Amino acid sequence: MSKNSLLKRLQHKWQLKSIRQVLLVLLAFACTGFTVLLIKQPIFDFLGVDMSSGGFWKTVLYLLLVLPLYQVLLLAYGFVFGQFSFFWRKEKKFFQRIGALFIRR
């Protein structure tokens, strides 16, 4: 499988207008992940939480702190790379899914 066909499939799946947009979206995802990797430890150090050993409550704390931070950073990098509208649409879908978990049907 060639790289070009993978990028074309992502372009179609994400409904983007160009391969350039696909590359910018992928760059935003990469920068967001790298930024979270760099800043999560200082945040937990500041809070006095030792994440070297696992545990249920540490995992919950990690999810409660890092997941929202990731979402905010994703929007910020989306803005920097000119793809804010793409990420804003994805964020709205994400929060609708999260909200649906808490709504009884």
PDB file of N, CA and C in Angstrom:
ATOM      1  N   MET A   1       0.849  -1.176   0.000  1.00  0.00           N
ATOM      2  CA  MET A   1       0.000   0.000   0.000  1.00  0.00           C
ATOM      3  C   MET A   1       0.894   1.239   0.000  1.00  0.00           C
ATOM      4  N   SER A   2       0.642   2.163  -0.852  1.00  0.00           N
ATOM      5  CA  SER A   2       1.459   3.365  -0.930  1.00  0.00           C
ATOM      6  C   SER A   2       0.969   4.409   0.065  1.00  0.00           C
ATOM      7  N   LYS A   3       1.872   5.308   0.415  1.00  0.00           N
ATOM      8  CA  LYS A   3       1.524   6.389   1.344  1.00  0.00           C
ATOM      9  C   LYS A   3       0.422   7.257   0.760  1.00  0.00           C
ATOM     10  N   ASN A   4       0.497   7.464  -0.542  1.00  0.00           N
ATOM     11  CA  ASN A   4      -0.468   8.336  -1.187  1.00  0.00           C
ATOM     12  C   ASN A   4      -1.888   7.785  -1.047  1.00  0.00           C
ATOM     13  N   SER A   5      -2.051   6.470  -1.179  1.00  0.00           N
ATOM     14  CA  SER A   5      -3.403   5.925  -1.060  1.00  0.00           C
ATOM     15  C   SER A   5      -3.904   6.043   0.383  1.00  0.00           C
ATOM     16  N   LEU A   6      -3.007   5.914   1.361  1.00  0.00           N
ATOM     17  CA  LEU A   6      -3.408   6.098   2.754  1.00  0.00           C
ATOM     18  C   LEU A   6      -3.865   7.537   2.982  1.00  0.00           C
ATOM     19  N   LEU A   7      -3.110   8.480   2.466  1.00  0.00           N
ATOM     20  CA  LEU A   7      -3.486   9.887   2.614  1.00  0.00           C
ATOM     21  C   LEU A   7      -4.798  10.186   1.895  1.00  0.00           C
ATOM     22  N   LYS A   8      -4.979   9.583   0.736  1.00  0.00           N
ATOM     23  CA  LYS A   8      -6.246   9.773   0.003  1.00  0.00           C
ATOM     24  C   LYS A   8      -7.431   9.217   0.790  1.00  0.00           C
ATOM     25  N   ARG A   9      -7.227   8.043   1.418  1.00  0.00           N
ATOM     26  CA  ARG A   9      -8.308   7.456   2.221  1.00  0.00           C
ATOM     27  C   ARG A   9      -8.638   8.338   3.417  1.00  0.00           C
ATOM     28  N   LEU A  10      -7.613   8.884   4.055  1.00  0.00           N
ATOM     29  CA  LEU A  10      -7.856   9.798   5.178  1.00  0.00           C
ATOM     30  C   LEU A  10      -8.558  11.064   4.701  1.00  0.00           C
ATOM     31  N   GLN A  11      -8.158  11.554   3.554  1.00  0.00           N
ATOM     32  CA  GLN A  11      -8.810  12.740   2.992  1.00  0.00           C
ATOM     33  C   GLN A  11     -10.297  12.481   2.789  1.00  0.00           C
ATOM     34  N   HIS A  12     -10.612  11.330   2.233  1.00  0.00           N
ATOM     35  CA  HIS A  12     -12.015  10.982   1.998  1.00  0.00           C
ATOM     36  C   HIS A  12     -12.756  10.769   3.322  1.00  0.00           C
ATOM     37  N   LYS A  13     -12.157  10.017   4.225  1.00  0.00           N
ATOM     38  CA  LYS A  13     -12.801   9.719   5.509  1.00  0.00           C
ATOM     39  C   LYS A  13     -13.066  10.987   6.314  1.00  0.00           C
ATOM     40  N   TRP A  14     -12.092  11.879   6.331  1.00  0.00           N
ATOM     41  CA  TRP A  14     -12.213  13.107   7.121  1.00  0.00           C
ATOM     42  C   TRP A  14     -12.886  14.232   6.347  1.00  0.00           C
ATOM     43  N   GLN A  15     -13.226  13.977   5.097  1.00  0.00           N
ATOM     44  CA  GLN A  15     -13.889  14.955   4.232  1.00  0.00           C
ATOM     45  C   GLN A  15     -13.092  16.254   4.124  1.00  0.00           C
ATOM     46  N   LEU A  16     -11.807  16.100   3.821  1.00  0.00           N
ATOM     47  CA  LEU A  16     -10.932  17.248   3.646  1.00  0.00           C
ATOM     48  C   LEU A  16     -10.738  17.515   2.160  1.00  0.00           C
ATOM     49  N   LYS A  17     -10.346  18.735   1.843  1.00  0.00           N
ATOM     50  CA  LYS A  17     -10.259  19.138   0.446  1.00  0.00           C
ATOM     51  C   LYS A  17      -8.949  18.776  -0.227  1.00  0.00           C
ATOM     52  N   SER A  18      -7.888  18.565   0.560  1.00  0.00           N
ATOM     53  CA  SER A  18      -6.588  18.311  -0.062  1.00  0.00           C
ATOM     54  C   SER A  18      -5.716  17.415   0.819  1.00  0.00           C
ATOM     55  N   ILE A  19      -4.699  16.863   0.206  1.00  0.00           N
ATOM     56  CA  ILE A  19      -3.708  16.071   0.934  1.00  0.00           C
ATOM     57  C   ILE A  19      -2.956  16.977   1.907  1.00  0.00           C
ATOM     58  N   ARG A  20      -2.756  18.221   1.527  1.00  0.00           N
ATOM     59  CA  ARG A  20      -2.095  19.193   2.408  1.00  0.00           C
ATOM     60  C   ARG A  20      -2.852  19.311   3.728  1.00  0.00           C
ATOM     61  N   GLN A  21      -4.179  19.373   3.659  1.00  0.00           N
ATOM     62  CA  GLN A  21      -4.987  19.437   4.880  1.00  0.00           C
ATOM     63  C   GLN A  21      -4.802  18.175   5.717  1.00  0.00           C
ATOM     64  N   VAL A  22      -4.749  17.025   5.075  1.00  0.00           N
ATOM     65  CA  VAL A  22      -4.536  15.762   5.796  1.00  0.00           C
ATOM     66  C   VAL A  22      -3.210  15.829   6.548  1.00  0.00           C
ATOM     67  N   LEU A  23      -2.176  16.290   5.877  1.00  0.00           N
ATOM     68  CA  LEU A  23      -0.864  16.384   6.510  1.00  0.00           C
ATOM     69  C   LEU A  23      -0.873  17.369   7.678  1.00  0.00           C
ATOM     70  N   LEU A  24      -1.590  18.480   7.542  1.00  0.00           N
ATOM     71  CA  LEU A  24      -1.684  19.451   8.633  1.00  0.00           C
ATOM     72  C   LEU A  24      -2.450  18.870   9.827  1.00  0.00           C
ATOM     73  N   VAL A  25      -3.498  18.107   9.556  1.00  0.00           N
ATOM     74  CA  VAL A  25      -4.250  17.458  10.631  1.00  0.00           C
ATOM     75  C   VAL A  25      -3.370  16.436  11.347  1.00  0.00           C
ATOM     76  N   LEU A  26      -2.637  15.641  10.586  1.00  0.00           N
ATOM     77  CA  LEU A  26      -1.738  14.663  11.193  1.00  0.00           C
ATOM     78  C   LEU A  26      -0.645  15.352  12.006  1.00  0.00           C
ATOM     79  N   LEU A  27      -0.144  16.477  11.515  1.00  0.00           N
ATOM     80  CA  LEU A  27       0.857  17.250  12.249  1.00  0.00           C
ATOM     81  C   LEU A  27       0.278  17.788  13.560  1.00  0.00           C
ATOM     82  N   ALA A  28      -0.970  18.239  13.523  1.00  0.00           N
ATOM     83  CA  ALA A  28      -1.622  18.728  14.750  1.00  0.00           C
ATOM     84  C   ALA A  28      -1.778  17.596  15.770  1.00  0.00           C
ATOM     85  N   PHE A  29      -2.166  16.407  15.306  1.00  0.00           N
ATOM     86  CA  PHE A  29      -2.269  15.253  16.215  1.00  0.00           C
ATOM     87  C   PHE A  29      -0.901  14.925  16.825  1.00  0.00           C
ATOM     88  N   ALA A  30       0.129  14.944  16.001  1.00  0.00           N
ATOM     89  CA  ALA A  30       1.475  14.609  16.479  1.00  0.00           C
ATOM     90  C   ALA A  30       1.963  15.633  17.501  1.00  0.00           C
ATOM     91  N   CYS A  31       1.782  16.896  17.205  1.00  0.00           N
ATOM     92  CA  CYS A  31       2.219  17.947  18.136  1.00  0.00           C
ATOM     93  C   CYS A  31       1.454  17.883  19.447  1.00  0.00           C
ATOM     94  N   THR A  32       0.163  17.588  19.374  1.00  0.00           N
ATOM     95  CA  THR A  32      -0.643  17.481  20.588  1.00  0.00           C
ATOM     96  C   THR A  32      -0.155  16.333  21.455  1.00  0.00           C
ATOM     97  N   GLY A  33       0.051  15.191  20.867  1.00  0.00           N
ATOM     98  CA  GLY A  33       0.531  14.044  21.627  1.00  0.00           C
ATOM     99  C   GLY A  33       1.888  14.302  22.248  1.00  0.00           C
ATOM    100  N   PHE A  34       2.787  14.914  21.495  1.00  0.00           N
ATOM    101  CA  PHE A  34       4.121  15.211  22.001  1.00  0.00           C
ATOM    102  C   PHE A  34       4.058  16.221  23.146  1.00  0.00           C
ATOM    103  N   THR A  35       3.206  17.226  23.008  1.00  0.00           N
ATOM    104  CA  THR A  35       3.065  18.235  24.058  1.00  0.00           C
ATOM    105  C   THR A  35       2.526  17.615  25.339  1.00  0.00           C
ATOM    106  N   VAL A  36       1.521  16.763  25.232  1.00  0.00           N
ATOM    107  CA  VAL A  36       0.976  16.094  26.414  1.00  0.00           C
ATOM    108  C   VAL A  36       2.054  15.234  27.062  1.00  0.00           C
ATOM    109  N   LEU A  37       2.833  14.559  26.256  1.00  0.00           N
ATOM    110  CA  LEU A  37       3.923  13.731  26.768  1.00  0.00           C
ATOM    111  C   LEU A  37       4.910  14.577  27.578  1.00  0.00           C
ATOM    112  N   LEU A  38       5.195  15.778  27.100  1.00  0.00           N
ATOM    113  CA  LEU A  38       6.157  16.641  27.779  1.00  0.00           C
ATOM    114  C   LEU A  38       5.612  17.289  29.052  1.00  0.00           C
ATOM    115  N   ILE A  39       4.328  17.626  29.074  1.00  0.00           N
ATOM    116  CA  ILE A  39       3.822  18.408  30.211  1.00  0.00           C
ATOM    117  C   ILE A  39       3.068  17.599  31.256  1.00  0.00           C
ATOM    118  N   LYS A  40       2.749  16.337  30.984  1.00  0.00           N
ATOM    119  CA  LYS A  40       1.973  15.584  31.973  1.00  0.00           C
ATOM    120  C   LYS A  40       2.760  15.337  33.253  1.00  0.00           C
ATOM    121  N   GLN A  41       4.040  15.008  33.139  1.00  0.00           N
ATOM    122  CA  GLN A  41       4.831  14.731  34.342  1.00  0.00           C
ATOM    123  C   GLN A  41       4.982  15.963  35.234  1.00  0.00           C
ATOM    124  N   PRO A  42       5.324  17.135  34.673  1.00  0.00           N
ATOM    125  CA  PRO A  42       5.395  18.317  35.542  1.00  0.00           C
ATOM    126  C   PRO A  42       4.057  18.640  36.236  1.00  0.00           C
ATOM    127  N   ILE A  43       2.953  18.374  35.550  1.00  0.00           N
ATOM    128  CA  ILE A  43       1.641  18.620  36.174  1.00  0.00           C
ATOM    129  C   ILE A  43       1.447  17.686  37.359  1.00  0.00           C
ATOM    130  N   PHE A  44       1.746  16.400  37.182  1.00  0.00           N
ATOM    131  CA  PHE A  44       1.577  15.452  38.282  1.00  0.00           C
ATOM    132  C   PHE A  44       2.582  15.713  39.399  1.00  0.00           C
ATOM    133  N   ASP A  45       3.789  16.148  39.055  1.00  0.00           N
ATOM    134  CA  ASP A  45       4.769  16.511  40.082  1.00  0.00           C
ATOM    135  C   ASP A  45       4.251  17.691  40.906  1.00  0.00           C
ATOM    136  N   PHE A  46       3.690  18.691  40.223  1.00  0.00           N
ATOM    137  CA  PHE A  46       3.127  19.862  40.905  1.00  0.00           C
ATOM    138  C   PHE A  46       2.009  19.454  41.868  1.00  0.00           C
ATOM    139  N   LEU A  47       1.201  18.481  41.449  1.00  0.00           N
ATOM    140  CA  LEU A  47       0.098  18.010  42.288  1.00  0.00           C
ATOM    141  C   LEU A  47       0.566  17.021  43.363  1.00  0.00           C
ATOM    142  N   GLY A  48       1.824  16.613  43.298  1.00  0.00           N
ATOM    143  CA  GLY A  48       2.357  15.690  44.286  1.00  0.00           C
ATOM    144  C   GLY A  48       1.922  14.252  44.071  1.00  0.00           C
ATOM    145  N   VAL A  49       1.606  13.904  42.827  1.00  0.00           N
ATOM    146  CA  VAL A  49       1.157  12.552  42.518  1.00  0.00           C
ATOM    147  C   VAL A  49       2.297  11.792  41.853  1.00  0.00           C
ATOM    148  N   ASP A  50       2.660  10.655  42.434  1.00  0.00           N
ATOM    149  CA  ASP A  50       3.707   9.802  41.863  1.00  0.00           C
ATOM    150  C   ASP A  50       3.040   8.813  40.908  1.00  0.00           C
ATOM    151  N   MET A  51       3.299   8.987  39.614  1.00  0.00           N
ATOM    152  CA  MET A  51       2.663   8.135  38.611  1.00  0.00           C
ATOM    153  C   MET A  51       3.536   6.941  38.233  1.00  0.00           C
ATOM    154  N   SER A  52       4.646   6.727  38.966  1.00  0.00           N
ATOM    155  CA  SER A  52       5.547   5.629  38.595  1.00  0.00           C
ATOM    156  C   SER A  52       4.908   4.264  38.820  1.00  0.00           C
ATOM    157  N   SER A  53       4.042   4.154  39.818  1.00  0.00           N
ATOM    158  CA  SER A  53       3.308   2.903  40.010  1.00  0.00           C
ATOM    159  C   SER A  53       1.847   3.150  39.671  1.00  0.00           C
ATOM    160  N   GLY A  54       1.215   2.137  39.147  1.00  0.00           N
ATOM    161  CA  GLY A  54      -0.171   2.278  38.705  1.00  0.00           C
ATOM    162  C   GLY A  54      -1.150   2.305  39.855  1.00  0.00           C
ATOM    163  N   GLY A  55      -2.349   2.047  39.546  1.00  0.00           N
ATOM    164  CA  GLY A  55      -3.417   2.051  40.519  1.00  0.00           C
ATOM    165  C   GLY A  55      -4.665   2.619  39.900  1.00  0.00           C
ATOM    166  N   PHE A  56      -5.787   2.153  40.378  1.00  0.00           N
ATOM    167  CA  PHE A  56      -7.072   2.571  39.808  1.00  0.00           C
ATOM    168  C   PHE A  56      -7.269   4.081  39.919  1.00  0.00           C
ATOM    169  N   TRP A  57      -7.038   4.653  41.098  1.00  0.00           N
ATOM    170  CA  TRP A  57      -7.300   6.079  41.299  1.00  0.00           C
ATOM    171  C   TRP A  57      -6.328   6.951  40.529  1.00  0.00           C
ATOM    172  N   LYS A  58      -5.108   6.473  40.358  1.00  0.00           N
ATOM    173  CA  LYS A  58      -4.149   7.229  39.561  1.00  0.00           C
ATOM    174  C   LYS A  58      -4.549   7.225  38.085  1.00  0.00           C
ATOM    175  N   THR A  59      -5.095   6.125  37.638  1.00  0.00           N
ATOM    176  CA  THR A  59      -5.576   6.052  36.258  1.00  0.00           C
ATOM    177  C   THR A  59      -6.758   6.989  36.055  1.00  0.00           C
ATOM    178  N   VAL A  60      -7.664   7.008  37.016  1.00  0.00           N
ATOM    179  CA  VAL A  60      -8.820   7.914  36.938  1.00  0.00           C
ATOM    180  C   VAL A  60      -8.347   9.361  36.936  1.00  0.00           C
ATOM    181  N   LEU A  61      -7.418   9.696  37.837  1.00  0.00           N
ATOM    182  CA  LEU A  61      -6.877  11.056  37.892  1.00  0.00           C
ATOM    183  C   LEU A  61      -6.210  11.417  36.569  1.00  0.00           C
ATOM    184  N   TYR A  62      -5.447  10.487  36.020  1.00  0.00           N
ATOM    185  CA  TYR A  62      -4.787  10.714  34.736  1.00  0.00           C
ATOM    186  C   TYR A  62      -5.815  11.046  33.649  1.00  0.00           C
ATOM    187  N   LEU A  63      -6.875  10.247  33.583  1.00  0.00           N
ATOM    188  CA  LEU A  63      -7.903  10.481  32.567  1.00  0.00           C
ATOM    189  C   LEU A  63      -8.624  11.804  32.789  1.00  0.00           C
ATOM    190  N   LEU A  64      -8.912  12.133  34.025  1.00  0.00           N
ATOM    191  CA  LEU A  64      -9.630  13.376  34.317  1.00  0.00           C
ATOM    192  C   LEU A  64      -8.791  14.614  34.022  1.00  0.00           C
ATOM    193  N   LEU A  65      -7.483  14.508  34.161  1.00  0.00           N
ATOM    194  CA  LEU A  65      -6.620  15.663  33.904  1.00  0.00           C
ATOM    195  C   LEU A  65      -6.107  15.713  32.471  1.00  0.00           C
ATOM    196  N   VAL A  66      -5.665  14.598  31.957  1.00  0.00           N
ATOM    197  CA  VAL A  66      -4.983  14.598  30.657  1.00  0.00           C
ATOM    198  C   VAL A  66      -5.971  14.635  29.493  1.00  0.00           C
ATOM    199  N   LEU A  67      -7.080  13.954  29.589  1.00  0.00           N
ATOM    200  CA  LEU A  67      -8.036  13.936  28.474  1.00  0.00           C
ATOM    201  C   LEU A  67      -8.556  15.337  28.129  1.00  0.00           C
ATOM    202  N   PRO A  68      -9.015  16.126  29.109  1.00  0.00           N
ATOM    203  CA  PRO A  68      -9.443  17.490  28.744  1.00  0.00           C
ATOM    204  C   PRO A  68      -8.278  18.348  28.228  1.00  0.00           C
ATOM    205  N   LEU A  69      -7.104  18.175  28.828  1.00  0.00           N
ATOM    206  CA  LEU A  69      -5.931  18.911  28.368  1.00  0.00           C
ATOM    207  C   LEU A  69      -5.623  18.569  26.911  1.00  0.00           C
ATOM    208  N   TYR A  70      -5.709  17.293  26.573  1.00  0.00           N
ATOM    209  CA  TYR A  70      -5.468  16.849  25.200  1.00  0.00           C
ATOM    210  C   TYR A  70      -6.461  17.519  24.246  1.00  0.00           C
ATOM    211  N   GLN A  71      -7.722  17.562  24.631  1.00  0.00           N
ATOM    212  CA  GLN A  71      -8.751  18.143  23.762  1.00  0.00           C
ATOM    213  C   GLN A  71      -8.490  19.632  23.521  1.00  0.00           C
ATOM    214  N   VAL A  72      -8.113  20.347  24.578  1.00  0.00           N
ATOM    215  CA  VAL A  72      -7.826  21.777  24.444  1.00  0.00           C
ATOM    216  C   VAL A  72      -6.601  22.002  23.567  1.00  0.00           C
ATOM    217  N   LEU A  73      -5.571  21.211  23.794  1.00  0.00           N
ATOM    218  CA  LEU A  73      -4.362  21.346  22.977  1.00  0.00           C
ATOM    219  C   LEU A  73      -4.628  21.004  21.516  1.00  0.00           C
ATOM    220  N   LEU A  74      -5.482  20.035  21.283  1.00  0.00           N
ATOM    221  CA  LEU A  74      -5.828  19.666  19.914  1.00  0.00           C
ATOM    222  C   LEU A  74      -6.486  20.842  19.191  1.00  0.00           C
ATOM    223  N   LEU A  75      -7.388  21.521  19.871  1.00  0.00           N
ATOM    224  CA  LEU A  75      -8.005  22.708  19.271  1.00  0.00           C
ATOM    225  C   LEU A  75      -6.979  23.813  19.046  1.00  0.00           C
ATOM    226  N   ALA A  76      -6.072  23.982  20.004  1.00  0.00           N
ATOM    227  CA  ALA A  76      -5.055  25.031  19.872  1.00  0.00           C
ATOM    228  C   ALA A  76      -4.141  24.746  18.679  1.00  0.00           C
ATOM    229  N   TYR A  77      -3.661  23.515  18.573  1.00  0.00           N
ATOM    230  CA  TYR A  77      -2.807  23.181  17.428  1.00  0.00           C
ATOM    231  C   TYR A  77      -3.610  23.209  16.127  1.00  0.00           C
ATOM    232  N   GLY A  78      -4.859  22.820  16.185  1.00  0.00           N
ATOM    233  CA  GLY A  78      -5.703  22.933  15.000  1.00  0.00           C
ATOM    234  C   GLY A  78      -5.787  24.371  14.526  1.00  0.00           C
ATOM    235  N   PHE A  79      -5.896  25.289  15.477  1.00  0.00           N
ATOM    236  CA  PHE A  79      -5.939  26.719  15.141  1.00  0.00           C
ATOM    237  C   PHE A  79      -4.606  27.160  14.534  1.00  0.00           C
ATOM    238  N   VAL A  80      -3.501  26.762  15.160  1.00  0.00           N
ATOM    239  CA  VAL A  80      -2.168  27.151  14.690  1.00  0.00           C
ATOM    240  C   VAL A  80      -1.933  26.668  13.262  1.00  0.00           C
ATOM    241  N   PHE A  81      -2.389  25.454  12.958  1.00  0.00           N
ATOM    242  CA  PHE A  81      -2.157  24.892  11.628  1.00  0.00           C
ATOM    243  C   PHE A  81      -3.316  25.160  10.657  1.00  0.00           C
ATOM    244  N   GLY A  82      -4.245  26.015  11.047  1.00  0.00           N
ATOM    245  CA  GLY A  82      -5.324  26.413  10.150  1.00  0.00           C
ATOM    246  C   GLY A  82      -6.385  25.353   9.938  1.00  0.00           C
ATOM    247  N   GLN A  83      -6.514  24.425  10.878  1.00  0.00           N
ATOM    248  CA  GLN A  83      -7.484  23.338  10.742  1.00  0.00           C
ATOM    249  C   GLN A  83      -8.476  23.326  11.911  1.00  0.00           C
ATOM    250  N   PHE A  84      -8.720  24.486  12.480  1.00  0.00           N
ATOM    251  CA  PHE A  84      -9.585  24.569  13.653  1.00  0.00           C
ATOM    252  C   PHE A  84     -10.975  24.012  13.379  1.00  0.00           C
ATOM    253  N   SER A  85     -11.554  24.341  12.229  1.00  0.00           N
ATOM    254  CA  SER A  85     -12.925  23.888  11.950  1.00  0.00           C
ATOM    255  C   SER A  85     -13.007  22.363  11.909  1.00  0.00           C
ATOM    256  N   PHE A  86     -11.979  21.710  11.375  1.00  0.00           N
ATOM    257  CA  PHE A  86     -11.955  20.242  11.362  1.00  0.00           C
ATOM    258  C   PHE A  86     -11.978  19.711  12.791  1.00  0.00           C
ATOM    259  N   PHE A  87     -11.089  20.228  13.627  1.00  0.00           N
ATOM    260  CA  PHE A  87     -11.006  19.733  14.996  1.00  0.00           C
ATOM    261  C   PHE A  87     -12.222  20.134  15.821  1.00  0.00           C
ATOM    262  N   TRP A  88     -12.807  21.279  15.555  1.00  0.00           N
ATOM    263  CA  TRP A  88     -14.001  21.691  16.278  1.00  0.00           C
ATOM    264  C   TRP A  88     -15.161  20.731  15.980  1.00  0.00           C
ATOM    265  N   ARG A  89     -15.307  20.328  14.717  1.00  0.00           N
ATOM    266  CA  ARG A  89     -16.339  19.337  14.370  1.00  0.00           C
ATOM    267  C   ARG A  89     -16.095  18.030  15.120  1.00  0.00           C
ATOM    268  N   LYS A  90     -14.851  17.590  15.154  1.00  0.00           N
ATOM    269  CA  LYS A  90     -14.519  16.336  15.860  1.00  0.00           C
ATOM    270  C   LYS A  90     -14.779  16.464  17.357  1.00  0.00           C
ATOM    271  N   GLU A  91     -14.460  17.615  17.930  1.00  0.00           N
ATOM    272  CA  GLU A  91     -14.693  17.836  19.364  1.00  0.00           C
ATOM    273  C   GLU A  91     -16.182  17.781  19.689  1.00  0.00           C
ATOM    274  N   LYS A  92     -16.992  18.404  18.848  1.00  0.00           N
ATOM    275  CA  LYS A  92     -18.436  18.377  19.086  1.00  0.00           C
ATOM    276  C   LYS A  92     -18.962  16.946  19.070  1.00  0.00           C
ATOM    277  N   LYS A  93     -18.509  16.147  18.112  1.00  0.00           N
ATOM    278  CA  LYS A  93     -18.922  14.735  18.062  1.00  0.00           C
ATOM    279  C   LYS A  93     -18.447  13.996  19.302  1.00  0.00           C
ATOM    280  N   PHE A  94     -17.213  14.253  19.721  1.00  0.00           N
ATOM    281  CA  PHE A  94     -16.642  13.608  20.903  1.00  0.00           C
ATOM    282  C   PHE A  94     -17.498  13.903  22.137  1.00  0.00           C
ATOM    283  N   PHE A  95     -17.832  15.174  22.348  1.00  0.00           N
ATOM    284  CA  PHE A  95     -18.608  15.534  23.531  1.00  0.00           C
ATOM    285  C   PHE A  95     -20.058  15.055  23.449  1.00  0.00           C
ATOM    286  N   GLN A  96     -20.591  14.935  22.250  1.00  0.00           N
ATOM    287  CA  GLN A  96     -21.921  14.343  22.108  1.00  0.00           C
ATOM    288  C   GLN A  96     -21.894  12.884  22.525  1.00  0.00           C
ATOM    289  N   ARG A  97     -20.859  12.171  22.154  1.00  0.00           N
ATOM    290  CA  ARG A  97     -20.734  10.758  22.542  1.00  0.00           C
ATOM    291  C   ARG A  97     -20.553  10.612  24.050  1.00  0.00           C
ATOM    292  N   ILE A  98     -19.730  11.480  24.630  1.00  0.00           N
ATOM    293  CA  ILE A  98     -19.529  11.452  26.080  1.00  0.00           C
ATOM    294  C   ILE A  98     -20.843  11.771  26.783  1.00  0.00           C
ATOM    295  N   GLY A  99     -21.548  12.776  26.309  1.00  0.00           N
ATOM    296  CA  GLY A  99     -22.831  13.146  26.906  1.00  0.00           C
ATOM    297  C   GLY A  99     -23.849  12.040  26.806  1.00  0.00           C
ATOM    298  N   ALA A 100     -23.813  11.307  25.705  1.00  0.00           N
ATOM    299  CA  ALA A 100     -24.772  10.208  25.512  1.00  0.00           C
ATOM    300  C   ALA A 100     -24.563   9.104  26.543  1.00  0.00           C
ATOM    301  N   LEU A 101     -23.358   8.974  27.061  1.00  0.00           N
ATOM    302  CA  LEU A 101     -23.096   7.967  28.090  1.00  0.00           C
ATOM    303  C   LEU A 101     -23.856   8.257  29.387  1.00  0.00           C
ATOM    304  N   PHE A 102     -24.116   9.552  29.625  1.00  0.00           N
ATOM    305  CA  PHE A 102     -24.734   9.958  30.877  1.00  0.00           C
ATOM    306  C   PHE A 102     -26.233  10.227  30.759  1.00  0.00           C
ATOM    307  N   ILE A 103     -26.747  10.144  29.551  1.00  0.00           N
ATOM    308  CA  ILE A 103     -28.173  10.394  29.341  1.00  0.00           C
ATOM    309  C   ILE A 103     -28.893   9.065  29.247  1.00  0.00           C
ATOM    310  N   ARG A 104     -29.917   8.909  30.062  1.00  0.00           N
ATOM    311  CA  ARG A 104     -30.713   7.679  30.008  1.00  0.00           C
ATOM    312  C   ARG A 104     -31.653   7.711  28.837  1.00  0.00           C
ATOM    313  N   ARG A 105     -31.795   6.567  28.234  1.00  0.00           N
ATOM    314  CA  ARG A 105     -32.726   6.464  27.104  1.00  0.00           C
ATOM    315  C   ARG A 105     -33.893   5.610  27.484  1.00  0.00           C
TER     316      ARG A 105
END
